[in-house]
C-alpha cells in the first residue's frame, strides 16, 4: 500500500484519506470503472473514520482497528492503490499532474480533491507550551488519550460539537473539565437557545464547569502548560489543554493551481471545480446547498460520503447534480435519544416537534 513501485499515471487520482475519497473509490468500482485508481493520503494510517475519535476511541471503548473504513484486503480486491504518508504540494491543471513531497509527480485523467480541513491553532501567549493538544487526526487522538491518563484537570477551548464531545469524553474518564466557549451559548451552531441551554445544564449537572462569553487570553506554565488565563480575568489550573476552536479548509497546495477558491474549493452543481475534470468533495468543497439556497461547506461524515459518491459518478461522465440533504449526530455523555431531549425542553411537545 505504500506505492513505492507504483506507476506514475492513474485514470482516477483521489486526494485525501477520509470518507469522501473512499466513497468515491468504492463507487468508481461499483459503477464499473476499469481504469486505475490511486488514493493519496498524508496520514500514516489506512483510511479511517474521524467520527469516533472524540468519543469511543478517546475514552478507550473502541480499538484503533475498528476505526478503519476497510481492511487492506478490500483495497487489494478492488484494485484500489493507496499511497500513505505522502503530502500533496501542488496541482498543475494544464499538465494534469499532482506534485507530492516525496513521491514525485503523479499524472491523472480525472482528479478528486477531498483533503478536508486542518485545525485552527491558538496563537495566544504560551501556545507553544507542551501539553496543548488539538484533536483532528488519529495521531492527535492517540496523543491526547495517552496524556489524559495522568491528567486530573483539563481545559477545553471551544464549545462546538468537537469541544463538547471531547469535554464529555474526558469527564467520563474521571477528569475534572472546564469548558470555555467565546459565544454566549454552548453549541452555537445549533442556532437554538433552548437546545443550547439544555445541553449546558446537562453538562454542568455532570460535573463539567462551563464558562461562556469568555476565551483564553494566555497559557501559563514552565516546562508544560499549567493554567489557562481568560479574558475575563480568571485563571484555571490544568494538566493539559484541548484546543477545539474550529477548522479551516486545507487549501495551501492549491494557491497557484488556478482552481477557483473561496471558503474552500468552489464547485458547481456537479461538484466539478473551475478546472474541467477536477472535482472536490467533503469538508473542503464549497457548494450551493439547495436547502439553504446559499454556498456553504458541510464538515460532516454523511455529506462527505454522499459527495464522494456523486463526484465519482460524474468523473465517469454522468453529470448528476448534488441535491442531497445531509445529517449529523453528536454524542454527549449518555444522552442520545431525541425524544427525551425534546420532552425535557417542551413537555408534551414531542409529537408537535416531530411534525
Protein backbone atom coordinates (compact mmCIF):
# COMPACT_ATOMS: atom_id res chain seq x y z
CA UNK A 1 0.00 0.00 0.00
CA UNK A 2 2.97 2.38 0.23
CA UNK A 3 3.12 2.94 -3.51
CA UNK A 4 6.93 2.82 -3.82
CA UNK A 5 6.78 0.84 -7.08
CA UNK A 6 3.55 2.34 -8.39
CA UNK A 7 3.09 3.72 -11.86
CA UNK A 8 3.10 7.49 -12.25
CA UNK A 9 -0.13 7.82 -14.21
CA UNK A 10 -3.63 6.98 -12.98
CA UNK A 11 -7.02 7.22 -14.58
CA UNK A 12 -8.56 8.35 -11.29
CA UNK A 13 -6.48 10.14 -8.65
CA UNK A 14 -8.14 10.75 -5.27
CA UNK A 15 -6.53 13.14 -2.79
CA UNK A 16 -7.37 12.62 0.88
CA UNK A 17 -7.70 9.66 3.19
CA UNK A 18 -11.21 10.28 4.50
CA UNK A 19 -14.74 9.13 3.72
CA UNK A 20 -15.14 11.24 0.56
CA UNK A 21 -12.16 9.64 -1.18
CA UNK A 22 -13.07 6.15 -0.03
CA UNK A 23 -16.69 6.60 -1.07
CA UNK A 24 -15.50 7.78 -4.49
CA UNK A 25 -13.20 4.78 -4.91
CA UNK A 26 -15.98 2.38 -3.88
CA UNK A 27 -18.40 3.99 -6.31
CA UNK A 28 -15.98 4.01 -9.23
CA UNK A 29 -15.59 0.24 -8.96
CA UNK A 30 -19.29 -0.34 -8.26
CA UNK A 31 -20.19 1.70 -11.35
CA UNK A 32 -17.91 -0.42 -13.49
CA UNK A 33 -14.79 1.75 -13.82
CA UNK A 34 -11.98 -0.38 -15.22
CA UNK A 35 -9.23 2.23 -15.03
CA UNK A 36 -6.51 2.56 -12.42
CA UNK A 37 -7.35 4.24 -9.09
CA UNK A 38 -4.91 5.78 -6.62
CA UNK A 39 -5.83 7.27 -3.25
CA UNK A 40 -3.14 9.55 -1.78
CA UNK A 41 -3.18 10.49 1.92
CA UNK A 42 -0.75 12.35 4.15
CA UNK A 43 -1.88 10.13 7.02
CA UNK A 44 0.26 7.15 8.00
CA UNK A 45 -2.82 5.03 8.67
CA UNK A 46 -5.11 3.44 6.10
CA UNK A 47 -8.35 5.44 5.64
CA UNK A 48 -10.24 5.63 8.92
CA UNK A 49 -13.29 7.29 10.37
CA UNK A 50 -12.79 10.51 12.33
CA UNK A 51 -16.28 10.42 13.82
CA UNK A 52 -15.38 8.38 16.89
CA UNK A 53 -12.01 9.96 17.70
CA UNK A 54 -13.54 12.33 20.25
CA UNK A 55 -15.97 9.73 21.52
CA UNK A 56 -15.44 5.99 22.00
CA UNK A 57 -11.82 5.95 20.86
CA UNK A 58 -10.75 8.75 23.21
CA UNK A 59 -12.14 7.14 26.35
CA UNK A 60 -10.97 3.66 25.36
CA UNK A 61 -14.18 1.90 24.31
CA UNK A 62 -13.15 1.42 20.66
CA UNK A 63 -9.84 -0.08 19.47
CA UNK A 64 -7.91 1.55 16.65
CA UNK A 65 -8.62 -1.32 14.26
CA UNK A 66 -12.36 -0.61 14.45
CA UNK A 67 -11.82 2.89 13.06
CA UNK A 68 -10.67 1.61 9.68
CA UNK A 69 -13.20 2.11 6.90
CA UNK A 70 -11.99 -1.02 5.08
CA UNK A 71 -9.36 -3.68 5.57
CA UNK A 72 -6.24 -3.74 3.41
CA UNK A 73 -7.67 -6.81 1.70
CA UNK A 74 -10.63 -4.79 0.45
CA UNK A 75 -8.43 -2.34 -1.43
CA UNK A 76 -6.41 -5.19 -2.96
CA UNK A 77 -9.55 -6.99 -4.08
CA UNK A 78 -10.95 -3.81 -5.63
CA UNK A 79 -7.64 -2.88 -7.29
CA UNK A 80 -7.51 0.43 -5.44
CA UNK A 81 -3.94 1.58 -4.81
CA UNK A 82 -3.18 3.61 -1.69
CA UNK A 83 -0.20 5.87 -1.07
CA UNK A 84 0.16 6.78 2.62
CA UNK A 85 2.28 9.37 4.35
CA UNK A 86 2.55 11.47 1.19
CA UNK A 87 1.53 15.14 1.14
CA UNK A 88 0.40 16.95 -2.00
CA UNK A 89 2.28 20.21 -2.55
CA UNK A 90 0.83 21.37 -5.85
CA UNK A 91 -1.59 20.72 -8.71
CA UNK A 92 -0.87 21.56 -12.35
CA UNK A 93 -4.19 21.63 -14.15
CA UNK A 94 -2.61 22.13 -17.59
CA UNK A 95 -0.20 19.21 -17.41
CA UNK A 96 -2.76 17.15 -15.44
CA UNK A 97 -0.38 16.27 -12.64
CA UNK A 98 -0.14 16.41 -8.87
CA UNK A 99 3.17 17.21 -7.17
CA UNK A 100 3.97 15.48 -3.90
CA UNK A 101 6.53 16.00 -1.17
CA UNK A 102 8.26 12.64 -1.50
CA UNK A 103 6.66 10.57 -4.25
CA UNK A 104 7.35 12.79 -7.26
CA UNK A 105 4.76 13.86 -9.80
CA UNK A 106 1.63 11.80 -10.48
CA UNK A 107 -0.30 12.28 -13.71
CA UNK A 108 -4.06 11.80 -13.87
CA UNK A 109 -7.03 11.78 -16.20
CA UNK A 110 -9.63 12.67 -13.55
CA UNK A 111 -8.87 14.14 -10.13
CA UNK A 112 -10.88 14.33 -6.90
CA UNK A 113 -9.70 16.71 -4.18
CA UNK A 114 -11.01 15.63 -0.79
CA UNK A 115 -8.26 16.81 1.52
CA UNK A 116 -10.65 18.05 4.18
CA UNK A 117 -9.69 20.59 6.81
CA UNK A 118 -6.94 21.39 9.26
CA UNK A 119 -7.43 22.62 12.83
CA UNK A 120 -7.17 26.28 13.76
CA UNK A 121 -4.41 26.50 16.33
CA UNK A 122 -4.20 29.02 19.12
CA UNK A 123 -1.65 31.83 18.77
CA UNK A 124 -2.09 33.47 22.17
CA UNK A 125 0.92 33.80 24.52
CA UNK A 126 2.16 30.42 25.69
CA UNK A 127 0.62 28.49 22.82
CA UNK A 128 3.88 26.60 22.16
CA UNK A 129 3.93 25.06 25.64
CA UNK A 130 3.85 21.24 25.74
CA UNK A 131 0.53 19.82 26.86
CA UNK A 132 -1.62 21.85 24.45
CA UNK A 133 -3.48 19.49 22.12
CA UNK A 134 -5.71 19.57 19.07
CA UNK A 135 -7.94 16.63 18.16
CA UNK A 136 -8.12 16.25 14.39
CA UNK A 137 -6.33 13.05 13.40
CA UNK A 138 -5.90 9.58 14.82
CA UNK A 139 -2.37 10.52 15.89
CA UNK A 140 -3.83 13.53 17.75
CA UNK A 141 -6.37 11.29 19.50
CA UNK A 142 -3.70 8.77 20.49
CA UNK A 143 -1.52 11.53 21.94
CA UNK A 144 -4.43 13.06 23.86
CA UNK A 145 -5.61 9.72 25.20
CA UNK A 146 -2.10 8.96 26.47
CA UNK A 147 -1.73 12.40 28.07
CA UNK A 148 -5.15 12.15 29.70
CA UNK A 149 -4.14 9.03 31.62
CA UNK A 150 -2.12 11.16 34.05
CA UNK A 151 -4.31 14.26 33.99
CA UNK A 152 -6.60 15.42 36.77
CA UNK A 153 -7.67 18.79 35.33
CA UNK A 154 -8.26 19.72 31.69
CA UNK A 155 -9.35 22.91 29.98
CA UNK A 156 -11.18 22.55 26.67
CA UNK A 157 -11.37 25.63 24.47
CA UNK A 158 -14.39 25.72 22.17
CA UNK A 159 -17.99 24.76 22.87
CA UNK A 160 -18.88 23.44 19.44
CA UNK A 161 -19.53 19.80 18.57
CA UNK A 162 -15.90 18.70 18.89
CA UNK A 163 -15.28 20.66 22.06
CA UNK A 164 -18.38 19.32 23.80
CA UNK A 165 -17.73 15.73 22.73
CA UNK A 166 -14.10 15.93 23.85
CA UNK A 167 -15.05 17.53 27.16
CA UNK A 168 -17.68 14.92 27.93
CA UNK A 169 -15.39 12.05 26.94
CA UNK A 170 -12.63 13.34 29.22
CA UNK A 171 -15.18 13.85 32.00
CA UNK A 172 -16.31 10.25 31.85
CA UNK A 173 -12.63 9.27 32.28
CA UNK A 174 -12.78 10.87 35.74
CA UNK A 175 -11.02 14.09 34.79
CA UNK A 176 -12.21 17.48 36.03
CA UNK A 177 -13.06 19.53 32.92
CA UNK A 178 -13.51 23.25 32.35
CA UNK A 179 -15.14 24.07 29.00
CA UNK A 180 -14.72 27.62 27.69
CA UNK A 181 -16.82 28.98 24.82
CA UNK A 182 -16.43 32.50 23.39
CA UNK A 183 -20.06 32.99 22.37
CA UNK A 184 -22.89 33.28 24.87
CA UNK A 185 -24.25 29.79 24.08
CA UNK A 186 -22.90 26.27 24.16
CA UNK A 187 -23.14 24.58 20.75
CA UNK A 188 -23.78 27.88 18.95
CA UNK A 189 -24.05 26.04 15.61
CA UNK A 190 -27.49 24.80 16.67
CA UNK A 191 -28.85 28.35 16.49
CA UNK A 192 -31.42 27.21 19.07
CA UNK A 193 -31.12 28.84 22.51
CA UNK A 194 -33.43 26.27 24.14
CA UNK A 195 -31.29 23.37 22.96
CA UNK A 196 -28.05 25.12 23.91
CA UNK A 197 -29.44 25.82 27.38
CA UNK A 198 -30.49 22.19 27.76
CA UNK A 199 -27.03 20.87 26.86
CA UNK A 200 -25.41 23.43 29.14
CA UNK A 201 -27.48 22.20 32.07
CA UNK A 202 -26.86 18.59 31.17
CA UNK A 203 -23.08 19.04 31.10
CA UNK A 204 -22.99 21.17 34.25
CA UNK A 205 -25.07 18.64 36.19
CA UNK A 206 -22.48 16.02 35.33
CA UNK A 207 -19.52 17.96 36.64
CA UNK A 208 -18.29 19.91 33.63
CA UNK A 209 -17.62 23.54 34.53
CA UNK A 210 -18.89 25.80 31.76
CA UNK A 211 -17.68 29.30 31.00
CA UNK A 212 -19.42 31.09 28.14
CA UNK A 213 -18.80 34.63 26.82
CA UNK A 214 -15.14 34.16 27.62
CA UNK A 215 -11.97 33.00 25.86
CA UNK A 216 -8.40 32.08 26.62
CA UNK A 217 -6.03 35.06 26.81
CA UNK A 218 -2.81 33.20 27.64
CA UNK A 219 -1.42 29.81 28.57
CA UNK A 220 0.77 29.73 31.65
CA UNK A 221 3.43 27.26 32.65
CA UNK A 222 7.10 26.35 32.76
CA UNK A 223 8.09 23.09 31.10
CA UNK A 224 4.45 22.44 30.14
CA UNK A 225 1.07 24.13 30.37
CA UNK A 226 -0.12 24.62 33.93
CA UNK A 227 -3.02 27.06 33.65
CA UNK A 228 -5.24 29.00 31.28
CA UNK A 229 -5.82 32.71 31.88
CA UNK A 230 -9.03 34.08 30.34
CA UNK A 231 -10.08 37.47 29.01
CA UNK A 232 -12.47 37.80 31.95
CA UNK A 233 -9.53 37.59 34.32
CA UNK A 234 -9.99 34.04 35.61
CA UNK A 235 -7.18 31.51 35.87
CA UNK A 236 -7.90 27.80 35.53
CA UNK A 237 -5.12 25.44 36.65
CA UNK A 238 -4.79 22.40 34.38
CA UNK A 239 -2.58 19.49 33.39
CA UNK A 240 -3.40 19.78 29.70
CA UNK A 241 -5.45 21.84 27.24
CA UNK A 242 -7.52 20.82 24.24
CA UNK A 243 -8.00 23.50 21.56
CA UNK A 244 -11.21 22.94 19.58
CA UNK A 245 -11.86 26.42 18.18
CA UNK A 246 -12.61 25.38 14.63
CA UNK A 247 -11.06 24.21 11.39
CA UNK A 248 -10.17 25.72 8.04
CA UNK A 249 -10.11 24.12 4.56
CA UNK A 250 -6.78 22.56 3.60
CA UNK A 251 -6.04 24.65 0.51
CA UNK A 252 -2.39 25.63 0.69
CA UNK A 253 -1.28 23.33 -2.11
CA UNK A 254 -3.84 24.86 -4.49
CA UNK A 255 -2.82 28.52 -4.24
CA UNK A 256 -1.02 28.53 -7.61
CA UNK A 257 -3.24 25.99 -9.35
CA UNK A 258 -5.70 28.39 -10.93
CA UNK A 259 -8.59 26.47 -9.38
CA UNK A 260 -11.18 28.92 -8.05
CA UNK A 261 -11.08 29.11 -4.26
CA UNK A 262 -13.08 30.87 -1.56
CA UNK A 263 -14.12 29.35 1.73
CA UNK A 264 -12.99 26.02 0.36
CA UNK A 265 -12.89 24.89 -3.26
CA UNK A 266 -15.73 26.38 -5.27
CA UNK A 267 -17.62 23.68 -7.17
CA UNK A 268 -20.66 23.66 -9.44
CA UNK A 269 -23.78 21.53 -9.04
CA UNK A 270 -21.84 18.52 -10.36
CA UNK A 271 -19.07 19.05 -7.75
CA UNK A 272 -16.68 19.98 -10.56
CA UNK A 273 -14.17 22.77 -9.94
CA UNK A 274 -13.34 25.60 -12.32
CA UNK A 275 -10.80 23.21 -13.90
CA UNK A 276 -12.56 20.63 -16.14
CA UNK A 277 -12.20 17.05 -14.97
CA UNK A 278 -11.16 18.07 -11.46
CA UNK A 279 -13.74 17.59 -8.72
CA UNK A 280 -13.92 18.33 -4.99
CA UNK A 281 -15.94 16.66 -2.24
CA UNK A 282 -16.36 16.59 1.51
CA UNK A 283 -15.27 19.20 4.04
CA UNK A 284 -13.19 21.14 1.52
CA UNK A 285 -15.95 21.56 -1.10
CA UNK A 286 -17.90 24.83 -1.21
CA UNK A 287 -21.18 24.03 -2.97
CA UNK A 288 -24.62 25.52 -3.45
CA UNK A 289 -26.84 24.00 -0.77
CA UNK A 290 -30.35 23.61 -2.20
CA UNK A 291 -31.91 23.68 1.27
CA UNK A 292 -30.35 26.93 2.48
CA UNK A 293 -30.08 28.44 -1.02
CA UNK A 294 -26.53 29.56 -0.36
CA UNK A 295 -22.98 28.43 -0.82
CA UNK A 296 -21.53 26.60 2.15
CA UNK A 297 -19.28 23.83 3.32
CA UNK A 298 -20.52 20.96 5.49
CA UNK A 299 -18.00 19.31 7.79
CA UNK A 300 -19.83 16.05 8.49
CA UNK A 301 -19.34 12.41 7.60
CA UNK A 302 -22.64 11.90 5.79
CA UNK A 303 -22.06 14.82 3.44
CA UNK A 304 -18.54 13.58 2.62
CA UNK A 305 -19.79 10.09 1.75
CA UNK A 306 -22.62 11.39 -0.43
CA UNK A 307 -20.44 13.92 -2.23
CA UNK A 308 -17.68 11.37 -2.83
CA UNK A 309 -20.24 9.03 -4.34
CA UNK A 310 -21.71 11.67 -6.65
CA UNK A 311 -18.30 13.03 -7.68
CA UNK A 312 -17.23 9.53 -8.71
CA UNK A 313 -20.29 9.13 -10.91
CA UNK A 314 -19.62 12.48 -12.53
CA UNK A 315 -15.97 11.54 -13.06
CA UNK A 316 -17.46 8.77 -15.19
CA UNK A 317 -19.43 11.32 -17.21
CA UNK A 318 -22.84 11.07 -15.55
CA UNK A 319 -23.35 14.85 -14.99
CA UNK A 320 -25.57 14.44 -11.92
CA UNK A 321 -26.49 17.36 -9.66
CA UNK A 322 -25.81 17.25 -5.93
CA UNK A 323 -29.20 17.63 -4.24
CA UNK A 324 -28.76 15.63 -1.03
CA UNK A 325 -29.80 16.69 2.46
CA UNK A 326 -27.06 15.89 4.94
CA UNK A 327 -27.41 14.95 8.58
CA UNK A 328 -25.06 14.72 11.55
CA UNK A 329 -25.04 13.43 15.09
CA UNK A 330 -23.27 14.27 18.31
CA UNK A 331 -22.62 12.07 21.37
CA UNK A 332 -22.79 13.86 24.72
CA UNK A 333 -22.18 11.50 27.65
CA UNK A 334 -25.17 9.13 27.95
CA UNK A 335 -27.55 11.43 26.08
CA UNK A 336 -28.57 10.03 22.71
CA UNK A 337 -32.34 9.98 22.43
CA UNK A 338 -34.13 12.75 20.57
CA UNK A 339 -37.46 12.17 22.32
CA UNK A 340 -36.09 12.65 25.84
CA UNK A 341 -34.34 15.87 24.80
CA UNK A 342 -37.46 17.34 23.19
CA UNK A 343 -39.72 16.38 26.09
CA UNK A 344 -37.30 17.94 28.59
CA UNK A 345 -37.40 21.26 26.71
CA UNK A 346 -41.01 21.27 25.53
CA UNK A 347 -43.01 18.95 27.87
CA UNK A 348 -45.68 17.11 25.93
CA UNK A 349 -44.35 18.55 22.72
CA UNK A 350 -42.69 15.53 21.12
CA UNK A 351 -45.39 14.85 18.54
CA UNK A 352 -45.72 18.53 17.72
CA UNK A 353 -41.96 18.91 17.39
CA UNK A 354 -41.81 15.92 15.05
CA UNK A 355 -44.44 17.48 12.79
